[in-house]
Each structure stands twice: as C-alpha cells, then as structure tokens.
C-alpha atoms as a PDB file:
ATOM      1  CA  UNK A   1     124.421  81.377  95.105  1.00  0.00           C
ATOM      2  CA  UNK A   2     125.019  83.239  91.952  1.00  0.00           C
ATOM      3  CA  UNK A   3     127.934  85.000  90.953  1.00  0.00           C
ATOM      4  CA  UNK A   4     127.216  86.249  87.794  1.00  0.00           C
ATOM      5  CA  UNK A   5     127.095  89.607  86.783  1.00  0.00           C
ATOM      6  CA  UNK A   6     124.000  92.052  86.684  1.00  0.00           C
ATOM      7  CA  UNK A   7     122.132  93.612  84.029  1.00  0.00           C
ATOM      8  CA  UNK A   8     119.430  96.091  86.544  1.00  0.00           C
ATOM      9  CA  UNK A   9     116.583  96.488  84.319  1.00  0.00           C
ATOM     10  CA  UNK A  10     115.531 100.381  84.968  1.00  0.00           C
ATOM     11  CA  UNK A  11     116.816 103.856  83.966  1.00  0.00           C
ATOM     12  CA  UNK A  12     115.699 105.844  87.161  1.00  0.00           C
ATOM     13  CA  UNK A  13     117.233 106.791  90.403  1.00  0.00           C
ATOM     14  CA  UNK A  14     116.139 102.865  92.018  1.00  0.00           C
ATOM     15  CA  UNK A  15     118.275 101.345  89.517  1.00  0.00           C
ATOM     16  CA  UNK A  16     121.176 103.952  90.114  1.00  0.00           C
ATOM     17  CA  UNK A  17     121.040 103.270  93.908  1.00  0.00           C
ATOM     18  CA  UNK A  18     120.891  99.856  93.561  1.00  0.00           C
ATOM     19  CA  UNK A  19     123.689  99.618  91.080  1.00  0.00           C
ATOM     20  CA  UNK A  20     125.606 101.601  93.906  1.00  0.00           C
ATOM     21  CA  UNK A  21     124.737  99.245  97.056  1.00  0.00           C
ATOM     22  CA  UNK A  22     125.726  96.262  94.679  1.00  0.00           C
ATOM     23  CA  UNK A  23     129.287  97.519  93.661  1.00  0.00           C
ATOM     24  CA  UNK A  24     129.788  99.011  97.158  1.00  0.00           C
ATOM     25  CA  UNK A  25     128.390  96.206  99.393  1.00  0.00           C
ATOM     26  CA  UNK A  26     128.316  92.701  97.766  1.00  0.00           C
ATOM     27  CA  UNK A  27     130.142  90.564  95.506  1.00  0.00           C
ATOM     28  CA  UNK A  28     127.976  90.995  92.229  1.00  0.00           C
ATOM     29  CA  UNK A  29     129.425  93.401  89.348  1.00  0.00           C
ATOM     30  CA  UNK A  30     126.685  95.285  87.625  1.00  0.00           C
ATOM     31  CA  UNK A  31     127.608  94.970  84.164  1.00  0.00           C
ATOM     32  CA  UNK A  32     124.930  97.333  82.522  1.00  0.00           C
ATOM     33  CA  UNK A  33     121.324  98.895  82.269  1.00  0.00           C
ATOM     34  CA  UNK A  34     118.299  97.419  80.271  1.00  0.00           C
ATOM     35  CA  UNK A  35     114.641  98.495  79.589  1.00  0.00           C
ATOM     36  CA  UNK A  36     112.237  97.750  76.714  1.00  0.00           C
ATOM     37  CA  UNK A  37     113.450  99.839  73.746  1.00  0.00           C
ATOM     38  CA  UNK A  38     111.098 102.121  73.252  1.00  0.00           C
ATOM     39  CA  UNK A  39     112.792 103.534  76.116  1.00  0.00           C
ATOM     40  CA  UNK A  40     115.898 103.627  75.164  1.00  0.00           C
ATOM     41  CA  UNK A  41     117.135 107.272  74.707  1.00  0.00           C
ATOM     42  CA  UNK A  42     120.924 106.971  75.471  1.00  0.00           C
ATOM     43  CA  UNK A  43     124.049 104.544  74.924  1.00  0.00           C
ATOM     44  CA  UNK A  44     124.918 104.746  78.281  1.00  0.00           C
ATOM     45  CA  UNK A  45     123.189 105.260  81.667  1.00  0.00           C
ATOM     46  CA  UNK A  46     125.464 105.911  85.168  1.00  0.00           C
ATOM     47  CA  UNK A  47     128.729 105.450  82.889  1.00  0.00           C
ATOM     48  CA  UNK A  48     127.818 101.349  81.998  1.00  0.00           C
ATOM     49  CA  UNK A  49     125.781 100.704  78.750  1.00  0.00           C
ATOM     50  CA  UNK A  50     122.429 100.241  77.830  1.00  0.00           C
ATOM     51  CA  UNK A  51     120.732  97.478  75.963  1.00  0.00           C
ATOM     52  CA  UNK A  52     117.718  97.466  74.808  1.00  0.00           C
ATOM     53  CA  UNK A  53     115.889  94.480  76.433  1.00  0.00           C
ATOM     54  CA  UNK A  54     114.543  93.053  72.875  1.00  0.00           C
ATOM     55  CA  UNK A  55     118.230  92.587  72.255  1.00  0.00           C
ATOM     56  CA  UNK A  56     119.433  91.232  75.755  1.00  0.00           C
ATOM     57  CA  UNK A  57     118.440  87.690  75.393  1.00  0.00           C
ATOM     58  CA  UNK A  58     121.211  87.295  72.503  1.00  0.00           C
ATOM     59  CA  UNK A  59     123.803  89.632  73.413  1.00  0.00           C
ATOM     60  CA  UNK A  60     123.321  88.583  77.105  1.00  0.00           C
ATOM     61  CA  UNK A  61     121.168  85.189  77.563  1.00  0.00           C
ATOM     62  CA  UNK A  62     120.229  84.158  81.076  1.00  0.00           C
ATOM     63  CA  UNK A  63     123.345  81.702  81.317  1.00  0.00           C
ATOM     64  CA  UNK A  64     125.254  84.443  81.797  1.00  0.00           C
ATOM     65  CA  UNK A  65     123.804  86.806  83.572  1.00  0.00           C
ATOM     66  CA  UNK A  66     121.349  87.313  86.799  1.00  0.00           C
ATOM     67  CA  UNK A  67     118.628  90.387  86.558  1.00  0.00           C
ATOM     68  CA  UNK A  68     117.230  93.148  89.212  1.00  0.00           C
ATOM     69  CA  UNK A  69     114.483  94.908  88.152  1.00  0.00           C
ATOM     70  CA  UNK A  70     114.772  98.342  90.029  1.00  0.00           C
ATOM     71  CA  UNK A  71     111.796 100.064  88.524  1.00  0.00           C
ATOM     72  CA  UNK A  72     109.893 101.532  91.960  1.00  0.00           C
ATOM     73  CA  UNK A  73     106.832 101.019  92.756  1.00  0.00           C
ATOM     74  CA  UNK A  74     103.832 102.546  90.618  1.00  0.00           C
ATOM     75  CA  UNK A  75     100.843 100.941  89.583  1.00  0.00           C
ATOM     76  CA  UNK A  76     101.004  99.572  93.279  1.00  0.00           C
ATOM     77  CA  UNK A  77     104.211  97.846  91.803  1.00  0.00           C
ATOM     78  CA  UNK A  78     101.757  96.248  89.238  1.00  0.00           C
ATOM     79  CA  UNK A  79     104.283  97.839  86.329  1.00  0.00           C
ATOM     80  CA  UNK A  80     107.879  95.846  88.458  1.00  0.00           C
ATOM     81  CA  UNK A  81     105.721  92.759  88.920  1.00  0.00           C
ATOM     82  CA  UNK A  82     104.918  92.671  85.130  1.00  0.00           C
ATOM     83  CA  UNK A  83     108.401  93.322  84.174  1.00  0.00           C
ATOM     84  CA  UNK A  84     110.172  90.686  86.979  1.00  0.00           C
ATOM     85  CA  UNK A  85     107.420  87.990  85.367  1.00  0.00           C
ATOM     86  CA  UNK A  86     108.333  88.458  81.888  1.00  0.00           C
ATOM     87  CA  UNK A  87     112.297  87.958  82.454  1.00  0.00           C
ATOM     88  CA  UNK A  88     111.639  84.917  84.625  1.00  0.00           C
ATOM     89  CA  UNK A  89     109.454  83.731  81.892  1.00  0.00           C
ATOM     90  CA  UNK A  90     112.619  84.417  79.571  1.00  0.00           C
ATOM     91  CA  UNK A  91     114.584  82.325  81.843  1.00  0.00           C
ATOM     92  CA  UNK A  92     116.837  84.962  83.620  1.00  0.00           C
ATOM     93  CA  UNK A  93     117.564  84.817  87.315  1.00  0.00           C
ATOM     94  CA  UNK A  94     117.906  87.390  89.693  1.00  0.00           C
ATOM     95  CA  UNK A  95     119.820  89.401  92.330  1.00  0.00           C
ATOM     96  CA  UNK A  96     118.421  89.113  96.079  1.00  0.00           C
ATOM     97  CA  UNK A  97     120.270  91.643  97.882  1.00  0.00           C
ATOM     98  CA  UNK A  98     120.252  91.887 101.956  1.00  0.00           C
ATOM     99  CA  UNK A  99     122.552  94.763 103.193  1.00  0.00           C
ATOM    100  CA  UNK A 100     125.059  94.352 105.402  1.00  0.00           C
ATOM    101  CA  UNK A 101     124.221  96.683 107.313  1.00  0.00           C
ATOM    102  CA  UNK A 102     120.695  95.434 108.246  1.00  0.00           C
ATOM    103  CA  UNK A 103     120.311  93.462 111.067  1.00  0.00           C
ATOM    104  CA  UNK A 104     118.369  90.159 110.018  1.00  0.00           C
ATOM    105  CA  UNK A 105     117.444  87.664 112.691  1.00  0.00           C
ATOM    106  CA  UNK A 106     115.092  85.305 110.574  1.00  0.00           C
ATOM    107  CA  UNK A 107     115.885  82.511 109.076  1.00  0.00           C
ATOM    108  CA  UNK A 108     114.508  82.242 105.971  1.00  0.00           C
ATOM    109  CA  UNK A 109     115.908  83.393 102.993  1.00  0.00           C
ATOM    110  CA  UNK A 110     114.294  86.390 100.494  1.00  0.00           C
ATOM    111  CA  UNK A 111     113.322  86.146  97.803  1.00  0.00           C
ATOM    112  CA  UNK A 112     113.766  86.641  94.554  1.00  0.00           C
ATOM    113  CA  UNK A 113     114.679  90.182  93.017  1.00  0.00           C
ATOM    114  CA  UNK A 114     114.125  91.094  96.898  1.00  0.00           C
ATOM    115  CA  UNK A 115     116.271  94.254  97.978  1.00  0.00           C
ATOM    116  CA  UNK A 116     116.990  95.549 101.510  1.00  0.00           C
ATOM    117  CA  UNK A 117     118.548  98.358 102.485  1.00  0.00           C
ATOM    118  CA  UNK A 118     120.669  98.827 105.560  1.00  0.00           C
ATOM    119  CA  UNK A 119     119.599  99.592 108.879  1.00  0.00           C
ATOM    120  CA  UNK A 120     116.708  97.559 108.712  1.00  0.00           C
ATOM    121  CA  UNK A 121     115.747  95.341 111.744  1.00  0.00           C
ATOM    122  CA  UNK A 122     114.111  91.944 110.417  1.00  0.00           C
ATOM    123  CA  UNK A 123     112.891  89.690 113.233  1.00  0.00           C
ATOM    124  CA  UNK A 124     112.965  85.779 114.000  1.00  0.00           C
ATOM    125  CA  UNK A 125     110.743  84.262 111.718  1.00  0.00           C
ATOM    126  CA  UNK A 126     109.997  86.891 109.384  1.00  0.00           C
ATOM    127  CA  UNK A 127     109.067  85.518 105.676  1.00  0.00           C
ATOM    128  CA  UNK A 128     109.950  88.341 102.489  1.00  0.00           C
ATOM    129  CA  UNK A 129     108.598  87.263  99.433  1.00  0.00           C
ATOM    130  CA  UNK A 130     109.801  87.543  95.768  1.00  0.00           C
ATOM    131  CA  UNK A 131     110.302  91.002  94.127  1.00  0.00           C
ATOM    132  CA  UNK A 132     110.077  93.150  97.373  1.00  0.00           C
ATOM    133  CA  UNK A 133     111.734  96.630  97.857  1.00  0.00           C
ATOM    134  CA  UNK A 134     112.480  97.637 101.957  1.00  0.00           C
ATOM    135  CA  UNK A 135     113.831 100.738 101.947  1.00  0.00           C
ATOM    136  CA  UNK A 136     116.222 101.645 104.851  1.00  0.00           C
ATOM    137  CA  UNK A 137     115.768 102.263 108.709  1.00  0.00           C
ATOM    138  CA  UNK A 138     112.421  99.615 109.214  1.00  0.00           C
ATOM    139  CA  UNK A 139     111.518  97.193 111.612  1.00  0.00           C
ATOM    140  CA  UNK A 140     109.512  93.976 110.598  1.00  0.00           C
ATOM    141  CA  UNK A 141     108.508  92.033 113.685  1.00  0.00           C
ATOM    142  CA  UNK A 142     108.716  88.454 114.456  1.00  0.00           C
ATOM    143  CA  UNK A 143     106.587  85.935 112.865  1.00  0.00           C
ATOM    144  CA  UNK A 144     105.684  88.607 110.156  1.00  0.00           C
ATOM    145  CA  UNK A 145     104.651  87.633 106.059  1.00  0.00           C
ATOM    146  CA  UNK A 146     105.746  90.350 103.638  1.00  0.00           C
ATOM    147  CA  UNK A 147     104.462  88.695 100.655  1.00  0.00           C
ATOM    148  CA  UNK A 148     105.796  89.280  97.245  1.00  0.00           C
ATOM    149  CA  UNK A 149     105.450  92.316  94.720  1.00  0.00           C
ATOM    150  CA  UNK A 150     105.426  94.433  97.950  1.00  0.00           C
ATOM    151  CA  UNK A 151     107.295  98.513  98.631  1.00  0.00           C
ATOM    152  CA  UNK A 152     108.106  99.369 102.053  1.00  0.00           C
ATOM    153  CA  UNK A 153     109.079 102.482 102.456  1.00  0.00           C
ATOM    154  CA  UNK A 154     111.722 104.021 105.257  1.00  0.00           C
ATOM    155  CA  UNK A 155     110.849 103.920 109.238  1.00  0.00           C
ATOM    156  CA  UNK A 156     107.846 101.881 109.251  1.00  0.00           C
ATOM    157  CA  UNK A 157     106.879  99.851 112.484  1.00  0.00           C
ATOM    158  CA  UNK A 158     105.650  96.330 111.078  1.00  0.00           C
ATOM    159  CA  UNK A 159     104.810  94.554 114.703  1.00  0.00           C
ATOM    160  CA  UNK A 160     104.769  90.783 115.114  1.00  0.00           C
ATOM    161  CA  UNK A 161     102.531  88.289 113.087  1.00  0.00           C
ATOM    162  CA  UNK A 162     101.813  91.189 110.488  1.00  0.00           C
ATOM    163  CA  UNK A 163     100.340  90.038 107.214  1.00  0.00           C
ATOM    164  CA  UNK A 164     101.061  92.173 104.591  1.00  0.00           C
ATOM    165  CA  UNK A 165      99.614  90.862 101.351  1.00  0.00           C
ATOM    166  CA  UNK A 166     100.764  90.976  97.565  1.00  0.00           C
ATOM    167  CA  UNK A 167     101.454  94.278  95.743  1.00  0.00           C
ATOM    168  CA  UNK A 168     100.771  96.913  98.823  1.00  0.00           C
ATOM    169  CA  UNK A 169     102.951 100.006  98.956  1.00  0.00           C
ATOM    170  CA  UNK A 170     103.906 100.701 102.589  1.00  0.00           C
ATOM    171  CA  UNK A 171     104.587 104.893 103.452  1.00  0.00           C
ATOM    172  CA  UNK A 172     107.180 105.897 105.761  1.00  0.00           C
ATOM    173  CA  UNK A 173     106.439 105.978 109.144  1.00  0.00           C
ATOM    174  CA  UNK A 174     103.316 103.810 108.803  1.00  0.00           C
ATOM    175  CA  UNK A 175     102.829 101.739 112.015  1.00  0.00           C
ATOM    176  CA  UNK A 176     100.732  98.339 112.205  1.00  0.00           C
ATOM    177  CA  UNK A 177      99.753  96.786 115.363  1.00  0.00           C
ATOM    178  CA  UNK A 178     100.895  93.401 116.095  1.00  0.00           C
ATOM    179  CA  UNK A 179      98.537  90.862 114.353  1.00  0.00           C
ATOM    180  CA  UNK A 180      96.867  92.386 111.832  1.00  0.00           C
ATOM    181  CA  UNK A 181      96.488  91.066 108.241  1.00  0.00           C
ATOM    182  CA  UNK A 182      96.647  93.632 105.143  1.00  0.00           C
ATOM    183  CA  UNK A 183      95.167  92.551 101.885  1.00  0.00           C
ATOM    184  CA  UNK A 184      96.403  92.263  98.793  1.00  0.00           C
ATOM    185  CA  UNK A 185      97.235  96.030  95.906  1.00  0.00           C
ATOM    186  CA  UNK A 186      96.528  98.206  99.588  1.00  0.00           C
ATOM    187  CA  UNK A 187      98.323 101.432  99.548  1.00  0.00           C
ATOM    188  CA  UNK A 188      98.993 102.651 103.612  1.00  0.00           C
ATOM    189  CA  UNK A 189      99.762 106.135 103.141  1.00  0.00           C
ATOM    190  CA  UNK A 190     102.982 108.099 105.247  1.00  0.00           C
ATOM    191  CA  UNK A 191     102.773 108.024 109.142  1.00  0.00           C
ATOM    192  CA  UNK A 192      99.448 105.792 109.045  1.00  0.00           C
ATOM    193  CA  UNK A 193      98.196 103.621 112.237  1.00  0.00           C
ATOM    194  CA  UNK A 194      97.045 100.623 111.511  1.00  0.00           C
ATOM    195  CA  UNK A 195      95.102  99.090 114.406  1.00  0.00           C
ATOM    196  CA  UNK A 196      93.020  96.306 112.868  1.00  0.00           C
ATOM    197  CA  UNK A 197      92.621  93.817 109.363  1.00  0.00           C
ATOM    198  CA  UNK A 198      92.299  95.412 106.310  1.00  0.00           C
ATOM    199  CA  UNK A 199      90.811  94.133 102.871  1.00  0.00           C
ATOM    200  CA  UNK A 200      92.153  94.103  99.588  1.00  0.00           C
ATOM    201  CA  UNK A 201      92.681  97.620  97.664  1.00  0.00           C
ATOM    202  CA  UNK A 202      92.221  99.672 100.936  1.00  0.00           C
ATOM    203  CA  UNK A 203      93.848 103.057 100.744  1.00  0.00           C
ATOM    204  CA  UNK A 204      94.813 104.197 104.481  1.00  0.00           C
ATOM    205  CA  UNK A 205      95.869 108.442 103.908  1.00  0.00           C
ATOM    206  CA  UNK A 206      98.191 109.887 106.114  1.00  0.00           C
ATOM    207  CA  UNK A 207      97.655 113.085 107.627  1.00  0.00           C
ATOM    208  CA  UNK A 208      99.823 115.761 106.559  1.00  0.00           C
ATOM    209  CA  UNK A 209     100.476 118.336 109.685  1.00  0.00           C
ATOM    210  CA  UNK A 210      98.478 121.163 109.258  1.00  0.00           C
ATOM    211  CA  UNK A 211     100.105 124.693 108.140  1.00  0.00           C
ATOM    212  CA  UNK A 212     100.805 127.264 110.939  1.00  0.00           C
ATOM    213  CA  UNK A 213      98.972 130.840 110.568  1.00  0.00           C
ATOM    214  CA  UNK A 214     102.186 132.757 110.850  1.00  0.00           C
ATOM    215  CA  UNK A 215     105.175 132.874 109.303  1.00  0.00           C
ATOM    216  CA  UNK A 216     108.786 132.050 110.554  1.00  0.00           C
ATOM    217  CA  UNK A 217     110.042 135.617 111.261  1.00  0.00           C
ATOM    218  CA  UNK A 218     106.696 136.053 112.810  1.00  0.00           C
ATOM    219  CA  UNK A 219     107.599 133.254 116.047  1.00  0.00           C
ATOM    220  CA  UNK A 220     108.811 134.580 119.555  1.00  0.00           C
ATOM    221  CA  UNK A 221     111.023 132.933 120.977  1.00  0.00           C
ATOM    222  CA  UNK A 222     112.504 130.876 117.759  1.00  0.00           C
END
C-alpha cells in the first residue's frame, strides 16, 4: 500500500471533508490541493497550499505524491470521472479510503480513488469499482456490484445481488429491492423505492412530503 503524501484535486466541501478524514483516520498525509489554473483564486485552501494542476507534474510528480479527486457528482459524476482519467493518464496513483468505522465484510478490494465514509455496512462479496463515493450510513447487500464513477449519498439500502451501473447517483434514503439492475448514468432520487430494473439514463425522482395547510402555531396538542 502506498504511503506517499496526498494532494487533493478540488477546492469544495467534499475536498475539505475528505482531508479531515484522511488526517484523523488514516496514515496518509494531505499536503495540499490542486485544481486547474483557471479556478485558482487563492494561494491556500483550508490552511494548505494550492497548486495549479498545470504546474503539478513539475512540482509534485507522480513518483512523489498520490492524488484524491474529490469534486462531487456534477454531470452525473462525469466531471469527476474526466478529472480522474486525466490524472491517471498523467501517471498519478490514487488514494482509496475505507473508514475504520465502516463495517466492511467484503474481501474484494475497493477501487482507486474510492472513498467510503463511516457507518456503512458492506456485506460479503460486494464489489466496488474505481472513483466511487459512498457517503455515511448506507447498507450494501451481499453479492452487489457498484460500478466505477458512482456517488451514493447517505442511508441508501441496496439489497443483495443488486448491480449499479457506471456514473450513477443514488440519493439519500433510496431503497433497492434485491436482484435489480440499474443501467449506467441513472439518477435515483432521495427516498426512491426501486423494485425493478432500469435502463441507462433513467431518472427516478423522490416524492417530497406535502406541506400541511396549517402553520405550526395552529396545531393542537403539539
């Protein structure tokens, strides 16, 4: 396992949060951040130096640092995927992080640039690809497969033998029946109940709770 210091690609909340997790719950040292030069508007971020990516190969070549691409899920993860593939083509290795407070019972190694937060339950025989983000508190059932470049928000329930295709976004509290297959580039909204297979690009929107006609101060016995 690599013990190189880490540069995080990104200057948003995910990048800052990921640095905190690596600092407090891994042996990896985060030494700075990078983004494309056009997005650099300060020499530092969260107390660490920022280097334009165009200068990174010279200042921090692949034999000296590993990267973590932490840029969220915009474009159904396409932006993060394109950055990851560009950095990989330039020879960089990547951090893979599984929280010490996750319950990971699978013997399959998670992919490169994959970040798994605390309180996730990953059952035996689960496979998780490259460049996947699994936020806090999810259940991923046995024999399920999460393809590369996915983002799973918190508290989703993915039953056994489920297949999630590349570049999918799974919203909070989504629930998948066992054995379903979700094609690539799907968006599964918050609270969605998935009972069958869906083709590439499907969008399943969650339903918002309707607004009660009364105001809080008009309620009785509250």
